């Protein structure tokens, strides 16, 4: 199959682009072609990440959609307009999680043809990476990774990621000889315990994988994530995931994940980027056990587009 992957930057490690690169590599390895939209070749499928840059005549259009805008601090209706335009003309919509599907269909209406396909990972690549060195003296290594801040120059805190709650959970549940490694730039928050917490700054993908391979636990207590690649990668590296019920994260966290229960959200837009705390006593086992093998994920994409 010749597939045009629209709006994917193969040089970026940001969430959708990083998954797009992994998916493209898997499809290519299995004999399919990632092609530009026009040329001497025939395009069999147009796979647009979030929104399409245009419509290719006589080529089926598929929209891969995570979430939509709902922050009342911005003009979310205007920002959703091009996403909704692609949604309305797409021949099929691929949602990243069941939660994402509920969110989008609440605001955009039910998609005529849709399928939930979670993100995936190549286990062999992650398992081939050596665990990070220099942490051998600690009994348990905990880690977390996210874009904790917004864009320069103001670098506003992304409270939705709940770094403070990750730290508080670690402080309340870790042993005396445990350490928490925080990956991602953090300038707004001083390190509350330099003896047990390390701020590593931005890490490239190989070093992230290496950190996950050394870690026993991966904290991801943010809210409203649709299908975070960092959780999928950390799970594949062997980490036990600790996350919340609010969003699609629990769907890919694995059957051994620890879930912190939160109240349901009615999907009504609101100003959400404010500090919030969790009740860690609302703890339960996970009820999801989703296959995150990239080969399986790629097959699901192909079958849906072929249909």
Protein backbone atom coordinates (compact mmCIF):
# COMPACT_ATOMS: atom_id res chain seq x y z
CA UNK A 1 0.00 0.00 0.00
CA UNK A 2 1.20 3.54 -0.80
CA UNK A 3 0.37 5.78 2.16
CA UNK A 4 0.66 9.56 2.43
CA UNK A 5 1.20 10.46 6.10
CA UNK A 6 0.00 14.04 6.34
CA UNK A 7 1.32 16.54 8.91
CA UNK A 8 3.95 14.23 10.38
CA UNK A 9 7.40 15.69 11.08
CA UNK A 10 9.66 12.65 11.00
CA UNK A 11 12.46 14.66 12.65
CA UNK A 12 10.39 15.54 15.72
CA UNK A 13 10.10 13.54 18.94
CA UNK A 14 6.87 15.26 20.00
CA UNK A 15 4.02 12.83 20.73
CA UNK A 16 2.12 12.50 17.42
CA UNK A 17 5.22 12.94 15.27
CA UNK A 18 7.19 10.35 17.25
CA UNK A 19 4.41 7.81 16.90
CA UNK A 20 4.08 8.65 13.20
CA UNK A 21 7.76 7.94 12.72
CA UNK A 22 7.51 4.61 14.54
CA UNK A 23 4.43 3.63 12.54
CA UNK A 24 6.08 4.62 9.25
CA UNK A 25 9.18 2.56 10.08
CA UNK A 26 7.04 -0.49 10.88
CA UNK A 27 4.95 -0.15 7.72
CA UNK A 28 8.04 0.28 5.56
CA UNK A 29 9.69 -2.76 7.16
CA UNK A 30 6.62 -4.78 6.17
CA UNK A 31 6.74 -3.78 2.51
CA UNK A 32 4.48 -0.71 2.40
CA UNK A 33 5.50 2.69 1.09
CA UNK A 34 5.30 6.11 2.74
CA UNK A 35 4.90 8.50 -0.20
CA UNK A 36 4.38 12.20 -0.92
CA UNK A 37 0.87 13.25 -1.99
CA UNK A 38 1.59 13.81 -5.66
CA UNK A 39 3.93 12.30 -8.24
CA UNK A 40 4.14 9.39 -10.66
CA UNK A 41 3.05 6.91 -7.97
CA UNK A 42 -0.51 6.07 -6.97
CA UNK A 43 -1.59 7.03 -3.46
CA UNK A 44 -3.79 4.36 -1.89
CA UNK A 45 -4.51 6.03 1.45
CA UNK A 46 -4.23 9.54 2.89
CA UNK A 47 -3.56 9.29 6.64
CA UNK A 48 -3.84 12.74 8.24
CA UNK A 49 -2.58 13.32 11.77
CA UNK A 50 -5.16 15.59 13.47
CA UNK A 51 -6.08 17.59 10.36
CA UNK A 52 -5.56 17.25 6.63
CA UNK A 53 -3.52 19.76 4.65
CA UNK A 54 -5.92 19.25 1.72
CA UNK A 55 -7.87 16.56 -0.10
CA UNK A 56 -6.30 14.30 -2.73
CA UNK A 57 -8.91 13.53 -5.43
CA UNK A 58 -10.18 9.93 -5.45
CA UNK A 59 -8.01 8.89 -2.47
CA UNK A 60 -9.67 7.78 0.79
CA UNK A 61 -8.90 10.10 3.70
CA UNK A 62 -8.32 8.82 7.24
CA UNK A 63 -7.97 11.08 10.25
CA UNK A 64 -5.83 9.96 13.17
CA UNK A 65 -7.17 11.97 16.06
CA UNK A 66 -6.15 12.18 19.68
CA UNK A 67 -8.12 14.94 21.34
CA UNK A 68 -9.56 18.35 20.63
CA UNK A 69 -9.33 21.77 22.22
CA UNK A 70 -11.49 22.51 25.29
CA UNK A 71 -9.53 25.07 27.30
CA UNK A 72 -11.68 28.18 27.80
CA UNK A 73 -8.56 30.31 28.24
CA UNK A 74 -8.13 30.14 24.44
CA UNK A 75 -10.57 30.34 21.52
CA UNK A 76 -11.07 26.57 21.49
CA UNK A 77 -13.95 26.70 18.99
CA UNK A 78 -11.76 28.48 16.43
CA UNK A 79 -8.89 26.03 17.07
CA UNK A 80 -11.23 23.07 16.61
CA UNK A 81 -12.63 24.34 13.30
CA UNK A 82 -9.98 22.83 10.96
CA UNK A 83 -9.98 19.58 12.97
CA UNK A 84 -13.76 19.33 12.66
CA UNK A 85 -13.52 20.05 8.90
CA UNK A 86 -11.23 17.04 8.45
CA UNK A 87 -13.45 14.97 10.75
CA UNK A 88 -16.51 15.72 8.61
CA UNK A 89 -14.90 14.81 5.29
CA UNK A 90 -12.82 11.81 6.45
CA UNK A 91 -13.75 8.36 5.16
CA UNK A 92 -12.62 6.94 8.50
CA UNK A 93 -11.48 8.25 11.89
CA UNK A 94 -8.90 6.54 14.09
CA UNK A 95 -9.10 7.43 17.76
CA UNK A 96 -6.14 6.86 20.08
CA UNK A 97 -8.25 5.62 22.98
CA UNK A 98 -11.80 4.93 24.08
CA UNK A 99 -11.60 8.07 26.17
CA UNK A 100 -10.52 10.11 23.16
CA UNK A 101 -13.48 8.75 21.18
CA UNK A 102 -15.94 9.80 23.92
CA UNK A 103 -14.41 13.27 24.14
CA UNK A 104 -14.44 13.94 20.40
CA UNK A 105 -17.86 12.45 19.67
CA UNK A 106 -19.38 14.48 22.53
CA UNK A 107 -18.40 17.67 20.69
CA UNK A 108 -18.23 16.66 17.01
CA UNK A 109 -20.97 14.03 16.84
CA UNK A 110 -20.59 10.34 16.09
CA UNK A 111 -18.13 9.40 13.34
CA UNK A 112 -19.75 7.30 10.61
CA UNK A 113 -16.72 5.00 10.34
CA UNK A 114 -14.26 4.87 13.22
CA UNK A 115 -11.96 2.60 15.15
CA UNK A 116 -9.99 2.89 18.39
CA UNK A 117 -6.34 1.98 17.78
CA UNK A 118 -3.99 2.67 20.66
CA UNK A 119 -0.40 3.72 20.06
CA UNK A 120 2.28 1.05 20.01
CA UNK A 121 5.98 0.40 20.45
CA UNK A 122 8.65 -1.89 19.07
CA UNK A 123 9.54 -3.94 22.16
CA UNK A 124 12.74 -5.27 20.60
CA UNK A 125 14.21 -1.78 20.19
CA UNK A 126 13.55 -0.75 23.78
CA UNK A 127 14.66 -4.08 25.23
CA UNK A 128 17.95 -3.80 23.30
CA UNK A 129 18.87 -0.57 25.11
CA UNK A 130 21.16 -0.90 28.13
CA UNK A 131 19.82 0.37 31.47
CA UNK A 132 21.15 3.75 32.59
CA UNK A 133 24.35 3.65 34.61
CA UNK A 134 25.18 5.62 37.75
CA UNK A 135 22.00 4.63 39.60
CA UNK A 136 23.10 1.21 40.82
CA UNK A 137 23.43 2.31 44.47
CA UNK A 138 19.71 3.01 44.75
CA UNK A 139 17.26 0.28 45.70
CA UNK A 140 14.46 1.42 43.40
CA UNK A 141 14.55 3.96 40.59
CA UNK A 142 11.37 5.90 39.83
CA UNK A 143 11.01 8.08 36.75
CA UNK A 144 8.65 10.45 34.97
CA UNK A 145 8.89 12.36 31.72
CA UNK A 146 6.78 15.05 30.05
CA UNK A 147 6.77 18.53 28.60
CA UNK A 148 6.39 20.20 31.97
CA UNK A 149 6.48 23.72 30.57
CA UNK A 150 5.04 25.66 27.67
CA UNK A 151 6.98 27.36 24.89
CA UNK A 152 9.61 30.09 25.49
CA UNK A 153 9.89 32.88 26.37
CA UNK A 154 7.47 32.55 29.31
CA UNK A 155 7.81 28.76 29.81
CA UNK A 156 4.48 28.72 31.64
CA UNK A 157 4.00 25.64 33.84
CA UNK A 158 1.78 22.95 32.36
CA UNK A 159 -0.05 22.13 35.58
CA UNK A 160 -2.15 19.61 33.66
CA UNK A 161 0.93 17.33 33.76
CA UNK A 162 0.96 17.43 37.59
CA UNK A 163 4.69 17.22 38.22
CA UNK A 164 4.09 18.26 41.82
CA UNK A 165 1.73 15.32 42.34
CA UNK A 166 4.26 12.91 40.81
CA UNK A 167 6.80 14.18 43.33
CA UNK A 168 4.36 14.00 46.24
CA UNK A 169 3.39 10.42 45.37
CA UNK A 170 7.07 9.46 45.27
CA UNK A 171 7.77 11.14 48.59
CA UNK A 172 4.87 9.33 50.26
CA UNK A 173 5.47 5.88 48.77
CA UNK A 174 9.22 5.52 48.19
CA UNK A 175 11.79 3.78 50.32
CA UNK A 176 14.75 5.47 52.00
CA UNK A 177 17.13 4.30 49.27
CA UNK A 178 14.87 5.12 46.29
CA UNK A 179 15.39 7.93 43.79
CA UNK A 180 13.10 9.82 41.38
CA UNK A 181 14.50 10.90 38.00
CA UNK A 182 12.52 13.68 36.29
CA UNK A 183 13.11 13.96 32.53
CA UNK A 184 12.12 17.19 30.80
CA UNK A 185 13.00 20.83 31.36
CA UNK A 186 11.77 22.28 34.66
CA UNK A 187 12.52 25.91 35.48
CA UNK A 188 9.41 26.92 37.42
CA UNK A 189 9.80 24.44 40.29
CA UNK A 190 12.81 24.18 42.62
CA UNK A 191 13.94 20.64 43.40
CA UNK A 192 12.23 19.90 46.75
CA UNK A 193 14.65 17.12 47.75
CA UNK A 194 17.98 17.04 45.86
CA UNK A 195 19.09 14.00 47.87
CA UNK A 196 16.29 11.81 46.49
CA UNK A 197 15.13 13.63 43.34
CA UNK A 198 17.15 14.42 40.20
CA UNK A 199 16.02 16.88 37.52
CA UNK A 200 17.68 15.56 34.35
CA UNK A 201 16.46 18.15 31.87
CA UNK A 202 15.61 17.24 28.27
CA UNK A 203 16.72 13.74 27.22
CA UNK A 204 16.88 12.29 23.72
CA UNK A 205 15.01 9.09 22.91
CA UNK A 206 17.90 6.62 23.51
CA UNK A 207 18.59 8.13 26.95
CA UNK A 208 14.90 8.08 27.82
CA UNK A 209 14.73 4.40 26.91
CA UNK A 210 17.85 3.79 29.00
CA UNK A 211 16.27 5.56 31.99
CA UNK A 212 13.07 3.52 31.65
CA UNK A 213 15.10 0.30 31.48
CA UNK A 214 16.70 1.19 34.84
CA UNK A 215 13.39 2.24 36.45
CA UNK A 216 11.03 0.06 38.44
CA UNK A 217 8.18 2.60 38.46
CA UNK A 218 6.99 5.25 36.01
CA UNK A 219 4.78 8.05 37.34
CA UNK A 220 2.28 9.73 35.02
CA UNK A 221 -0.36 11.40 37.18
CA UNK A 222 -1.35 14.06 34.65
CA UNK A 223 -4.94 14.42 33.54
CA UNK A 224 -6.65 14.27 30.13
CA UNK A 225 -3.85 12.54 28.21
CA UNK A 226 -5.33 10.55 25.34
CA UNK A 227 -2.65 7.91 24.76
CA UNK A 228 0.78 9.05 26.01
CA UNK A 229 3.77 7.56 24.19
CA UNK A 230 5.98 7.97 27.27
CA UNK A 231 3.73 5.57 29.20
CA UNK A 232 3.75 3.04 26.37
CA UNK A 233 7.54 3.24 26.07
CA UNK A 234 8.05 2.95 29.85
CA UNK A 235 5.69 -0.02 30.05
CA UNK A 236 7.58 -1.75 27.22
CA UNK A 237 10.82 -1.15 29.13
CA UNK A 238 9.42 -3.05 32.11
CA UNK A 239 8.20 -0.24 34.38
CA UNK A 240 5.11 -0.52 36.54
CA UNK A 241 2.93 2.45 35.63
CA UNK A 242 1.23 4.69 38.18
CA UNK A 243 -1.39 6.93 36.56
CA UNK A 244 -4.88 8.33 37.03
CA UNK A 245 -8.27 7.28 35.69
CA UNK A 246 -8.99 10.65 34.03
CA UNK A 247 -8.04 10.24 30.38
CA UNK A 248 -6.88 7.43 28.14
CA UNK A 249 -3.63 6.69 29.99
CA UNK A 250 -5.03 3.80 32.03
CA UNK A 251 -6.01 2.02 28.80
CA UNK A 252 -2.35 1.54 27.81
CA UNK A 253 -0.77 1.37 31.28
CA UNK A 254 -0.84 -2.43 31.55
CA UNK A 255 -2.67 -4.87 33.79
CA UNK A 256 -0.19 -4.36 36.66
CA UNK A 257 -0.65 -0.56 36.69
CA UNK A 258 -1.73 1.32 39.80
CA UNK A 259 -4.65 3.64 39.08
CA UNK A 260 -5.52 6.71 41.18
CA UNK A 261 -9.26 7.19 40.75
CA UNK A 262 -10.58 10.63 39.83
CA UNK A 263 -14.08 12.01 39.43
CA UNK A 264 -15.48 11.73 35.90
CA UNK A 265 -15.50 14.79 33.65
CA UNK A 266 -18.62 15.75 31.68
CA UNK A 267 -16.50 17.01 28.72
CA UNK A 268 -17.73 20.58 29.19
CA UNK A 269 -14.87 23.00 28.33
CA UNK A 270 -13.22 24.83 31.22
CA UNK A 271 -9.94 26.51 32.24
CA UNK A 272 -8.05 23.39 33.22
CA UNK A 273 -4.39 24.40 33.48
CA UNK A 274 -4.43 25.07 37.22
CA UNK A 275 -2.72 23.14 40.04
CA UNK A 276 -4.85 20.26 41.35
CA UNK A 277 -4.22 17.57 43.94
CA UNK A 278 -5.14 13.90 44.06
CA UNK A 279 -6.43 11.65 46.80
CA UNK A 280 -3.87 8.84 46.78
CA UNK A 281 -6.11 6.67 48.94
CA UNK A 282 -8.42 6.26 45.92
CA UNK A 283 -6.14 3.57 44.57
CA UNK A 284 -7.19 0.54 42.54
CA UNK A 285 -5.84 -2.08 40.16
CA UNK A 286 -6.11 -1.53 36.43
CA UNK A 287 -8.94 -3.11 34.44
CA UNK A 288 -7.35 -2.68 30.99
CA UNK A 289 -4.85 -4.96 29.26
CA UNK A 290 -4.36 -3.46 25.78
CA UNK A 291 -1.87 -4.84 23.26
CA UNK A 292 0.74 -2.13 22.56
CA UNK A 293 2.95 -4.16 20.19
CA UNK A 294 3.70 -1.89 17.21
CA UNK A 295 3.36 -4.75 14.72
CA UNK A 296 -0.20 -5.40 15.94
CA UNK A 297 -1.00 -1.70 15.86
CA UNK A 298 0.26 -1.36 12.27
CA UNK A 299 -1.90 -4.31 11.17
CA UNK A 300 -4.95 -2.61 12.70
CA UNK A 301 -4.21 0.58 10.76
CA UNK A 302 -3.81 -1.34 7.51
CA UNK A 303 -6.98 -3.41 7.97
CA UNK A 304 -9.05 -0.33 8.77
CA UNK A 305 -7.77 1.57 5.75
CA UNK A 306 -8.23 -1.44 3.48
CA UNK A 307 -11.84 -1.77 4.56
